[in-house]
Amino acid sequence: MKQCNRRAFLRLSALGLGSMALAACGATPTPQVVEKVVEKEVTKIVASTPEVVKETVVVQETVVVEKPVEVTPAAPAAITLRFAEGSWVGPEGIKFWTDDIIPRFELENPGIKAEFESAEAPEWEQKVFAQMVAGDAPDVMFLWSSFSLNVIQKKQALKLNDYFSSDYLKAFYPSMVAGYLIEGDLWGMPKYVSSIAMAYNKDILDAAGVAYPDESWTWDDYRIALDRCTQRDNSGRVTRGGTYVSYWYLEPWVWMNGGQWNNKVVAADKCLLNEAKATEALRFQYDMIYGENPVSFVPGSVPDMDEFNVFSSGKVAFMESHSWTVTNYIRENNFRWDFTVYPSKGGKRSTLTFINGYVAYAGTKHPKEAAKLIEFLTQPWAARAMCLGILGLQPARYDVVEAWNTASMGAQAGYNVAAFTKEMDRAGLEPTWTDTGKANEIINPLWDQIWVTKETSLEEGLATIVQRVNEALGSS
């Protein structure tokens, strides 16, 4: 039998939990021994001669009895959910989750605890897949981009149909919900919007004598502005870029030109990049890097910068930028800048958005509680907190859009963050595939060979991608 040491007993007794102390130590509660006075009748012999005389009298007697101890059952142990999230804006962003969001969840949901785990490490995707296979992944996870669909397709996500009504889903942008609705089943919920608008450097435009862009700009206006803002050395190498081609986010240019990336909004099984309209739009971008009069740095050639912060180098005039870069730019940019919408082609505009949201692990032991945490994280107040606080995330809910446009950190600083909202009205979802992991294994290295190393020409590379992807997905 488990023994209870004296130190443990005294510690619990000091808290007024004497009886629970015994239960906590594994002992059976000992009944209390008490004395009790009772009355009873006895027969008394008064005389025995010449005959026995008896009488009945009442006497008092003290007896010892046992009184059972009433033990209050211990409260059930709290359920603990592992919650994988990140902020990507430093320690203060992490505190947003650990000091603000999680305590409020626990206060509103007694009996459920949330344990924060960071999802920011570069190797986290590989790590969490390994955890899923081992049956030990976080109960609720923030997943992004095609990573979300890959998890769903590998049957590692919990189906959420029973937890979110169609009325609840109506509060969110349809393009965001579409990323989680596969064959009528719901596998996740949007956290925020990452749409793309055009950032521009006012200092460079002023120096080049270029007017600031507005919604009347066309592709031709844009290309003329890029030429005027670009500076090159004697060898023709770009030293100040009109732009920095975001070669991973070229879908809007294809769509504006009337082309298609693939054959379905979600889980496509056929790639269409070698069709004329798609190739023409990609050629427009390709020539900005490798044409006769380049206006873009070669991808990866700006020291200490990547595609997400190269605009902050101050060396490019225009750059496609995610809405989550607003707070980054406010902290990092030491020049004047702002946002605008994409230039149009034939009156048509578009932008790109991504699957960014919460998924519950298929192997969770607490599906109901995991769904409750996801609902908590996607309510209007949560979207507003993520929008107006240090994270500065564009809301996926219609009822918080106005807060983004007028009261977010970027709006209060005087930047045109409403450009991102305008773009969402015509946003297309990032292309995904019936087997996203397999398709990306084919596309990614070939994409680098086209845009970065120039090991293959544009047309040849696109033809190879289309052939291999369609064969792999069974649609060739």
Protein backbone atom coordinates (compact mmCIF):
# COMPACT_ATOMS: atom_id res chain seq x y z
CA MET A 1 0.00 0.00 0.00
CA LYS A 2 1.22 3.48 -0.83
CA GLN A 3 2.68 5.23 2.23
CA CYS A 4 2.00 8.83 3.17
CA ASN A 5 5.03 10.56 4.64
CA ARG A 6 4.64 13.05 7.45
CA ARG A 7 5.80 16.03 5.45
CA ALA A 8 3.15 15.45 2.81
CA PHE A 9 0.47 14.97 5.44
CA LEU A 10 1.35 18.15 7.31
CA ARG A 11 1.53 20.17 4.13
CA LEU A 12 -1.97 19.13 3.11
CA SER A 13 -3.36 19.41 6.65
CA ALA A 14 -2.09 22.99 6.87
CA LEU A 15 -4.32 23.81 3.93
CA GLY A 16 -7.35 22.51 5.80
CA LEU A 17 -7.47 19.35 3.74
CA GLY A 18 -6.80 16.78 6.44
CA SER A 19 -9.24 14.21 5.20
CA MET A 20 -8.18 14.79 1.59
CA ALA A 21 -4.57 14.41 2.65
CA LEU A 22 -5.25 10.84 3.62
CA ALA A 23 -7.04 10.19 0.36
CA ALA A 24 -4.19 11.80 -1.59
CA CYS A 25 -1.70 9.50 0.14
CA GLY A 26 -3.66 6.42 -0.77
CA ALA A 27 -4.99 5.63 2.79
CA THR A 28 -8.54 4.74 3.83
CA PRO A 29 -10.05 7.46 6.11
CA THR A 30 -10.06 6.34 9.77
CA PRO A 31 -13.45 6.65 11.55
CA GLN A 32 -13.58 9.12 14.45
CA VAL A 33 -13.90 7.50 17.97
CA VAL A 34 -16.34 9.33 20.25
CA GLU A 35 -17.94 8.72 23.70
CA LYS A 36 -21.71 8.78 23.98
CA VAL A 37 -23.99 8.63 27.09
CA VAL A 38 -26.99 6.32 26.70
CA GLU A 39 -29.82 5.31 28.97
CA LYS A 40 -31.04 1.75 29.39
CA GLU A 41 -33.35 -0.24 31.60
CA VAL A 42 -31.90 -2.87 33.96
CA THR A 43 -33.49 -5.27 36.42
CA LYS A 44 -32.34 -4.86 40.03
CA ILE A 45 -32.76 -7.44 42.84
CA VAL A 46 -34.14 -5.67 45.87
CA ALA A 47 -34.38 -8.68 48.30
CA SER A 48 -33.77 -12.35 47.94
CA THR A 49 -35.45 -13.73 51.09
CA PRO A 50 -37.94 -15.04 51.89
CA GLU A 51 -38.54 -14.51 48.14
CA VAL A 52 -36.78 -12.71 45.39
CA VAL A 53 -38.01 -9.15 44.86
CA LYS A 54 -37.04 -7.36 41.59
CA GLU A 55 -37.60 -3.91 40.21
CA THR A 56 -36.75 -2.20 36.92
CA VAL A 57 -34.71 0.98 36.99
CA VAL A 58 -33.23 3.33 34.38
CA VAL A 59 -29.47 3.86 34.45
CA GLN A 60 -27.04 5.92 32.40
CA GLU A 61 -24.03 4.40 30.74
CA THR A 62 -21.14 5.82 28.74
CA VAL A 63 -20.33 3.84 25.60
CA VAL A 64 -17.74 4.22 22.88
CA VAL A 65 -19.02 4.50 19.29
CA GLU A 66 -17.45 5.14 15.87
CA LYS A 67 -18.66 8.04 13.74
CA PRO A 68 -17.97 7.65 9.98
CA VAL A 69 -15.93 10.42 8.37
CA GLU A 70 -17.54 12.08 5.36
CA VAL A 71 -14.96 12.46 2.58
CA THR A 72 -15.67 15.01 -0.19
CA PRO A 73 -14.75 13.48 -3.55
CA ALA A 74 -11.76 15.18 -5.18
CA ALA A 75 -12.49 17.34 -8.22
CA PRO A 76 -11.67 15.58 -11.50
CA ALA A 77 -8.21 16.32 -12.83
CA ALA A 78 -8.05 19.11 -15.42
CA ILE A 79 -7.72 18.12 -19.06
CA THR A 80 -4.54 19.51 -20.59
CA LEU A 81 -4.44 20.43 -24.28
CA ARG A 82 -1.13 20.94 -26.07
CA PHE A 83 -1.41 24.10 -28.16
CA ALA A 84 1.19 24.77 -30.87
CA GLU A 85 1.41 28.44 -31.92
CA GLY A 86 3.86 31.23 -32.62
CA SER A 87 4.04 34.97 -33.08
CA TRP A 88 7.01 35.54 -35.38
CA VAL A 89 7.43 39.01 -33.86
CA GLY A 90 9.62 38.11 -30.89
CA PRO A 91 9.11 37.49 -27.15
CA GLU A 92 6.32 40.03 -26.78
CA GLY A 93 4.32 38.13 -29.37
CA ILE A 94 4.77 34.88 -27.45
CA LYS A 95 3.51 36.59 -24.29
CA PHE A 96 0.34 37.44 -26.20
CA TRP A 97 -0.44 33.71 -26.17
CA THR A 98 0.98 32.70 -22.79
CA ASP A 99 -0.08 35.74 -20.74
CA ASP A 100 -3.29 36.89 -22.43
CA ILE A 101 -5.01 34.30 -24.61
CA ILE A 102 -4.37 31.06 -22.70
CA PRO A 103 -5.29 32.48 -19.23
CA ARG A 104 -8.58 33.81 -20.61
CA PHE A 105 -9.37 30.43 -22.20
CA GLU A 106 -8.68 28.63 -18.95
CA LEU A 107 -10.79 31.12 -16.99
CA GLU A 108 -13.75 30.69 -19.34
CA ASN A 109 -13.34 26.92 -19.53
CA PRO A 110 -12.81 25.51 -16.02
CA GLY A 111 -11.31 22.05 -16.07
CA ILE A 112 -9.36 22.61 -19.31
CA LYS A 113 -5.74 23.72 -19.38
CA ALA A 114 -3.80 24.80 -22.48
CA GLU A 115 -0.07 24.18 -22.63
CA PHE A 116 1.78 26.42 -25.10
CA GLU A 117 4.31 24.91 -27.54
CA SER A 118 6.26 26.98 -30.04
CA ALA A 119 5.65 26.32 -33.73
CA GLU A 120 8.22 28.84 -34.94
CA ALA A 121 11.32 26.67 -35.41
CA PRO A 122 12.27 26.12 -39.08
CA GLU A 123 12.21 22.35 -38.54
CA TRP A 124 8.82 22.37 -36.81
CA GLU A 125 6.94 21.01 -39.83
CA GLN A 126 9.16 17.93 -39.94
CA LYS A 127 9.00 17.59 -36.17
CA VAL A 128 5.23 17.68 -35.94
CA PHE A 129 4.80 15.16 -38.77
CA ALA A 130 7.06 12.80 -36.84
CA GLN A 131 4.96 13.40 -33.72
CA MET A 132 1.78 12.60 -35.66
CA VAL A 133 3.19 9.30 -36.88
CA ALA A 134 4.25 8.50 -33.31
CA GLY A 135 0.78 9.38 -32.01
CA ASP A 136 2.03 12.26 -29.87
CA ALA A 137 1.26 15.53 -31.68
CA PRO A 138 -0.20 18.72 -30.15
CA ASP A 139 -3.98 18.65 -29.74
CA VAL A 140 -4.47 21.99 -31.52
CA MET A 141 -2.02 23.47 -34.04
CA PHE A 142 -1.69 26.59 -36.12
CA LEU A 143 -0.84 25.39 -39.63
CA TRP A 144 -0.19 27.52 -42.68
CA SER A 145 -0.22 27.37 -46.43
CA SER A 146 -0.10 24.00 -48.19
CA PHE A 147 1.26 22.49 -44.96
CA SER A 148 -2.35 22.52 -43.71
CA LEU A 149 -3.67 20.53 -46.63
CA ASN A 150 -0.76 18.12 -46.44
CA VAL A 151 -1.69 17.31 -42.83
CA ILE A 152 -5.34 16.84 -43.81
CA GLN A 153 -4.48 14.62 -46.76
CA LYS A 154 -2.32 12.43 -44.56
CA LYS A 155 -5.43 11.90 -42.37
CA GLN A 156 -3.82 13.57 -39.37
CA ALA A 157 -6.53 16.20 -38.83
CA LEU A 158 -9.73 15.85 -36.82
CA LYS A 159 -12.99 16.30 -38.72
CA LEU A 160 -14.80 19.34 -37.31
CA ASN A 161 -18.25 19.00 -38.90
CA ASP A 162 -19.98 18.37 -35.57
CA TYR A 163 -18.48 21.40 -33.86
CA PHE A 164 -19.00 24.34 -36.26
CA SER A 165 -22.32 25.23 -37.84
CA SER A 166 -22.83 26.66 -41.31
CA ASP A 167 -24.02 29.89 -39.69
CA TYR A 168 -20.73 30.20 -37.79
CA LEU A 169 -18.77 29.73 -41.03
CA LYS A 170 -20.67 32.57 -42.75
CA ALA A 171 -18.73 35.08 -40.64
CA PHE A 172 -15.50 34.24 -42.51
CA TYR A 173 -14.23 35.01 -46.01
CA PRO A 174 -15.42 32.15 -48.25
CA SER A 175 -11.96 31.82 -49.81
CA MET A 176 -10.53 31.13 -46.36
CA VAL A 177 -13.13 28.52 -45.43
CA ALA A 178 -12.77 26.86 -48.84
CA GLY A 179 -9.26 25.78 -47.97
CA TYR A 180 -10.62 23.57 -45.18
CA LEU A 181 -13.77 22.25 -46.88
CA ILE A 182 -12.86 19.08 -48.74
CA GLU A 183 -15.66 17.00 -50.23
CA GLY A 184 -18.12 18.58 -47.81
CA ASP A 185 -16.09 17.94 -44.65
CA LEU A 186 -14.56 20.66 -42.48
CA TRP A 187 -10.99 20.04 -41.32
CA GLY A 188 -9.88 23.37 -39.89
CA MET A 189 -10.85 26.96 -39.15
CA PRO A 190 -9.29 30.19 -40.45
CA LYS A 191 -7.13 32.11 -38.01
CA TYR A 192 -6.34 35.20 -40.11
CA VAL A 193 -5.89 36.41 -43.67
CA SER A 194 -2.53 36.68 -45.35
CA SER A 195 -3.41 38.51 -48.54
CA ILE A 196 -0.88 40.33 -50.69
CA ALA A 197 -0.80 43.98 -51.74
CA MET A 198 1.92 46.12 -53.33
CA ALA A 199 4.31 48.01 -51.03
CA TYR A 200 6.16 50.98 -52.50
CA ASN A 201 9.11 53.08 -51.39
CA LYS A 202 8.13 56.76 -51.53
CA ASP A 203 11.73 57.96 -51.28
CA ILE A 204 12.76 56.03 -54.40
CA LEU A 205 9.68 57.13 -56.33
CA ASP A 206 10.32 60.76 -55.39
CA ALA A 207 13.95 60.52 -56.47
CA ALA A 208 12.91 58.96 -59.79
CA GLY A 209 10.14 61.49 -60.40
CA VAL A 210 7.45 58.81 -60.38
CA ALA A 211 3.96 59.60 -59.09
CA TYR A 212 2.65 57.39 -56.31
CA PRO A 213 0.52 54.51 -57.62
CA ASP A 214 -3.26 54.41 -57.37
CA GLU A 215 -6.05 52.07 -58.44
CA SER A 216 -5.97 53.35 -62.02
CA TRP A 217 -2.54 51.80 -62.71
CA THR A 218 -2.24 49.10 -65.36
CA TRP A 219 0.55 46.62 -66.04
CA ASP A 220 1.98 49.09 -68.56
CA ASP A 221 2.01 51.90 -65.98
CA TYR A 222 3.70 49.59 -63.53
CA ARG A 223 6.42 48.50 -65.95
CA ILE A 224 7.20 52.12 -66.90
CA ALA A 225 7.53 53.03 -63.21
CA LEU A 226 9.85 50.06 -62.61
CA ASP A 227 12.12 51.14 -65.46
CA ARG A 228 12.36 54.69 -64.12
CA CYS A 229 13.09 53.57 -60.55
CA THR A 230 15.79 51.04 -61.49
CA GLN A 231 19.50 51.80 -61.37
CA ARG A 232 22.17 49.58 -62.99
CA ASP A 233 25.96 49.56 -63.01
CA ASN A 234 28.10 49.64 -66.17
CA SER A 235 27.68 45.89 -66.63
CA GLY A 236 23.90 46.19 -66.57
CA ARG A 237 23.60 44.60 -63.13
CA VAL A 238 20.76 46.02 -61.02
CA THR A 239 21.97 48.06 -58.04
CA ARG A 240 18.58 49.57 -57.14
CA GLY A 241 15.56 47.53 -58.12
CA GLY A 242 12.31 48.76 -59.52
CA THR A 243 11.05 45.56 -57.87
CA TYR A 244 12.14 42.27 -56.43
CA VAL A 245 10.19 39.55 -58.21
CA SER A 246 8.40 37.42 -55.62
CA TYR A 247 8.73 34.27 -57.65
CA TRP A 248 6.80 32.16 -55.12
CA TYR A 249 3.73 34.42 -55.38
CA LEU A 250 3.12 34.78 -59.10
CA GLU A 251 -0.42 33.38 -59.21
CA PRO A 252 -2.19 36.80 -59.29
CA TRP A 253 -0.30 37.77 -62.45
CA VAL A 254 -1.43 34.56 -64.15
CA TRP A 255 -5.04 35.06 -63.07
CA MET A 256 -5.12 38.72 -64.14
CA ASN A 257 -3.89 37.66 -67.56
CA GLY A 258 -6.75 35.20 -67.94
CA GLY A 259 -4.67 32.10 -67.23
CA GLN A 260 -5.02 29.35 -64.66
CA TRP A 261 -2.51 27.68 -62.38
CA ASN A 262 -4.41 24.42 -62.03
CA ASN A 263 -7.86 22.98 -62.63
CA LYS A 264 -9.47 23.27 -59.17
CA VAL A 265 -9.56 25.76 -56.32
CA VAL A 266 -8.61 23.13 -53.75
CA ALA A 267 -6.93 19.75 -54.25
CA ALA A 268 -6.34 20.08 -58.00
CA ASP A 269 -5.15 17.11 -60.03
CA LYS A 270 -3.94 18.94 -63.14
CA CYS A 271 -1.34 21.69 -63.65
CA LEU A 272 -2.02 24.24 -66.44
CA LEU A 273 1.11 26.40 -66.35
CA ASN A 274 2.17 25.58 -69.91
CA GLU A 275 -1.01 27.08 -71.39
CA ALA A 276 -0.50 30.33 -73.32
CA LYS A 277 -2.09 32.85 -70.92
CA ALA A 278 -0.25 31.44 -67.92
CA THR A 279 3.10 31.32 -69.71
CA GLU A 280 2.65 34.87 -71.04
CA ALA A 281 2.09 36.26 -67.52
CA LEU A 282 5.08 34.40 -66.13
CA ARG A 283 7.23 35.67 -69.01
CA PHE A 284 6.24 39.24 -68.02
CA GLN A 285 7.75 38.60 -64.59
CA TYR A 286 10.71 36.53 -65.80
CA ASP A 287 11.92 39.30 -68.10
CA MET A 288 12.01 41.68 -65.14
CA ILE A 289 14.92 39.59 -63.85
CA TYR A 290 16.57 38.17 -66.96
CA GLY A 291 15.35 40.33 -69.86
CA GLU A 292 17.35 42.90 -71.82
CA ASN A 293 16.49 45.68 -69.37
CA PRO A 294 16.17 43.99 -65.97
CA VAL A 295 14.35 45.87 -63.21
CA SER A 296 14.64 43.26 -60.48
CA PHE A 297 17.48 41.82 -58.47
CA VAL A 298 18.12 38.14 -59.07
CA PRO A 299 16.27 36.28 -56.28
CA GLY A 300 18.57 35.65 -53.35
CA SER A 301 21.15 38.24 -54.40
CA VAL A 302 20.34 40.94 -51.82
CA PRO A 303 22.72 40.29 -48.89
CA ASP A 304 21.15 39.26 -45.58
CA MET A 305 17.65 39.54 -46.99
CA ASP A 306 15.02 37.01 -47.97
CA GLU A 307 11.76 37.33 -49.86
CA PHE A 308 9.89 38.43 -46.72
CA ASN A 309 12.06 41.36 -45.68
CA VAL A 310 13.93 42.47 -48.82
CA PHE A 311 11.64 45.50 -49.10
CA SER A 312 13.03 46.71 -45.76
CA SER A 313 16.50 46.91 -47.32
CA GLY A 314 15.37 50.17 -48.95
CA LYS A 315 16.82 48.97 -52.27
CA VAL A 316 13.57 48.25 -54.16
CA ALA A 317 10.79 50.57 -55.22
CA PHE A 318 7.90 48.07 -55.37
CA MET A 319 7.41 44.73 -53.67
CA GLU A 320 4.50 42.33 -53.24
CA SER A 321 3.98 42.07 -49.47
CA HIS A 322 1.84 39.98 -47.12
CA SER A 323 -0.52 41.73 -44.74
CA TRP A 324 1.42 40.35 -41.78
CA THR A 325 4.47 42.35 -42.90
CA VAL A 326 2.79 45.62 -41.85
CA THR A 327 4.06 45.49 -38.27
CA ASN A 328 7.46 44.27 -39.48
CA TYR A 329 7.78 47.24 -41.83
CA ILE A 330 6.76 49.70 -39.12
CA ARG A 331 9.61 48.42 -36.95
CA GLU A 332 12.23 47.91 -39.66
CA ASN A 333 11.82 50.46 -42.47
CA ASN A 334 13.84 53.67 -42.19
CA PHE A 335 12.29 55.29 -45.28
CA ARG A 336 8.85 56.52 -46.28
CA TRP A 337 6.57 53.86 -47.71
CA ASP A 338 2.95 52.77 -48.16
CA PHE A 339 0.69 50.13 -49.76
CA THR A 340 -1.48 50.01 -52.86
CA VAL A 341 -3.43 47.41 -54.80
CA TYR A 342 -1.99 45.41 -57.69
CA PRO A 343 -2.00 47.09 -61.12
CA SER A 344 -4.74 45.77 -63.39
CA LYS A 345 -4.63 43.93 -66.71
CA GLY A 346 -7.57 44.62 -69.02
CA GLY A 347 -9.55 45.93 -66.06
CA LYS A 348 -8.98 42.73 -64.08
CA ARG A 349 -7.28 42.58 -60.69
CA SER A 350 -6.43 39.74 -58.39
CA THR A 351 -4.38 38.81 -55.37
CA LEU A 352 -3.32 35.71 -53.50
CA THR A 353 -4.35 34.40 -50.11
CA PHE A 354 -3.38 31.33 -48.13
CA ILE A 355 -4.78 28.65 -45.86
CA ASN A 356 -3.83 29.92 -42.41
CA GLY A 357 -5.70 28.43 -39.51
CA TYR A 358 -6.23 25.95 -36.72
CA VAL A 359 -6.36 22.19 -37.04
CA ALA A 360 -7.00 19.62 -34.30
CA TYR A 361 -4.88 16.48 -34.29
CA ALA A 362 -6.76 13.37 -35.41
CA GLY A 363 -5.22 11.42 -32.54
CA THR A 364 -6.23 13.83 -29.77
CA LYS A 365 -7.70 12.15 -26.69
CA HIS A 366 -9.88 15.20 -26.12
CA PRO A 367 -11.64 16.06 -29.39
CA LYS A 368 -14.49 18.00 -27.81
CA GLU A 369 -12.14 20.17 -25.77
CA ALA A 370 -9.79 20.67 -28.75
CA ALA A 371 -12.73 21.91 -30.84
CA LYS A 372 -13.70 24.22 -27.97
CA LEU A 373 -10.22 25.77 -28.02
CA ILE A 374 -10.43 26.31 -31.79
CA GLU A 375 -13.82 27.97 -31.42
CA PHE A 376 -12.42 30.19 -28.66
CA LEU A 377 -9.51 31.24 -30.90
CA THR A 378 -11.76 32.13 -33.86
CA GLN A 379 -14.37 34.23 -32.06
CA PRO A 380 -14.70 37.94 -32.93
CA TRP A 381 -12.90 39.15 -29.80
CA ALA A 382 -9.89 36.89 -30.57
CA ALA A 383 -9.70 38.05 -34.19
CA ARG A 384 -9.86 41.63 -32.93
CA ALA A 385 -7.08 41.02 -30.38
CA MET A 386 -4.84 39.52 -33.07
CA CYS A 387 -5.66 42.42 -35.40
CA LEU A 388 -5.16 45.34 -33.01
CA GLY A 389 -2.33 43.97 -30.87
CA ILE A 390 1.33 43.33 -31.56
CA LEU A 391 0.60 40.51 -34.02
CA GLY A 392 -1.20 42.88 -36.40
CA LEU A 393 -2.99 40.10 -38.28
CA GLN A 394 -5.55 40.84 -40.99
CA PRO A 395 -8.84 39.31 -39.77
CA ALA A 396 -10.53 36.43 -41.55
CA ARG A 397 -13.90 37.50 -40.13
CA TYR A 398 -16.05 40.11 -41.88
CA ASP A 399 -17.12 41.63 -38.55
CA VAL A 400 -13.54 42.65 -37.70
CA VAL A 401 -12.50 44.07 -41.08
CA GLU A 402 -13.34 47.65 -40.13
CA ALA A 403 -11.05 47.38 -37.11
CA TRP A 404 -8.20 46.40 -39.43
CA ASN A 405 -8.93 49.26 -41.83
CA THR A 406 -9.15 51.98 -39.19
CA ALA A 407 -7.69 50.91 -35.84
CA SER A 408 -4.88 48.40 -36.48
CA MET A 409 -1.29 49.42 -35.85
CA GLY A 410 -0.72 50.10 -39.55
CA ALA A 411 -3.91 52.14 -39.93
CA GLN A 412 -3.12 54.25 -36.88
CA ALA A 413 0.35 54.90 -38.26
CA GLY A 414 -1.26 56.30 -41.43
CA TYR A 415 -0.65 53.44 -43.85
CA ASN A 416 -3.13 52.28 -46.47
CA VAL A 417 -3.76 48.84 -44.96
CA ALA A 418 -7.26 48.91 -46.47
CA ALA A 419 -5.52 47.92 -49.72
CA PHE A 420 -5.33 44.39 -48.33
CA THR A 421 -9.07 44.38 -47.62
CA LYS A 422 -9.87 45.57 -51.14
CA GLU A 423 -7.71 42.81 -52.57
CA MET A 424 -9.59 40.15 -50.59
CA ASP A 425 -12.73 40.81 -52.62
CA ARG A 426 -10.90 39.33 -55.61
CA ALA A 427 -8.48 36.99 -53.86
CA GLY A 428 -7.60 33.57 -55.15
CA LEU A 429 -6.52 30.77 -52.84
CA GLU A 430 -2.99 29.41 -53.05
CA PRO A 431 -3.01 26.40 -55.42
CA THR A 432 -3.12 23.03 -53.71
CA TRP A 433 -3.13 19.50 -55.05
CA THR A 434 -4.72 16.12 -54.45
CA ASP A 435 -1.34 15.08 -53.07
CA THR A 436 0.23 18.36 -52.03
CA GLY A 437 3.38 16.79 -50.63
CA LYS A 438 4.09 14.88 -53.82
CA ALA A 439 3.34 17.86 -56.08
CA ASN A 440 5.59 20.19 -54.08
CA GLU A 441 8.45 17.70 -54.21
CA ILE A 442 8.28 18.00 -58.00
CA ILE A 443 7.58 21.73 -58.33
CA ASN A 444 9.91 23.30 -55.76
CA PRO A 445 13.32 22.26 -57.14
CA LEU A 446 12.27 22.97 -60.72
CA TRP A 447 10.90 26.37 -59.70
CA ASP A 448 14.30 27.28 -58.25
CA GLN A 449 16.01 26.14 -61.44
CA ILE A 450 13.81 28.52 -63.45
CA TRP A 451 13.88 31.60 -61.24
CA VAL A 452 17.05 31.44 -59.16
CA THR A 453 19.79 29.34 -60.75
CA LYS A 454 18.50 29.72 -64.32
CA GLU A 455 19.48 26.12 -65.02
CA THR A 456 16.45 25.74 -67.25
CA SER A 457 14.53 28.16 -69.43
CA LEU A 458 11.07 29.35 -68.44
CA GLU A 459 9.18 27.43 -71.13
CA GLU A 460 11.18 24.24 -70.72
CA GLY A 461 10.86 24.33 -66.95
CA LEU A 462 7.09 24.88 -67.09
CA ALA A 463 6.66 22.04 -69.55
CA THR A 464 8.61 19.71 -67.25
CA ILE A 465 6.59 20.73 -64.20
CA VAL A 466 3.28 20.17 -65.98
CA GLN A 467 4.31 16.78 -67.32
CA ARG A 468 5.69 15.44 -64.03
CA VAL A 469 2.94 16.81 -61.80
CA ASN A 470 0.14 15.56 -64.01
CA GLU A 471 1.75 12.13 -64.28
CA ALA A 472 2.22 11.96 -60.51
CA LEU A 473 -1.40 12.97 -59.87
CA GLY A 474 -2.78 10.65 -62.54
CA SER A 475 -4.13 13.31 -64.91
CA SER A 476 -1.63 13.21 -67.77
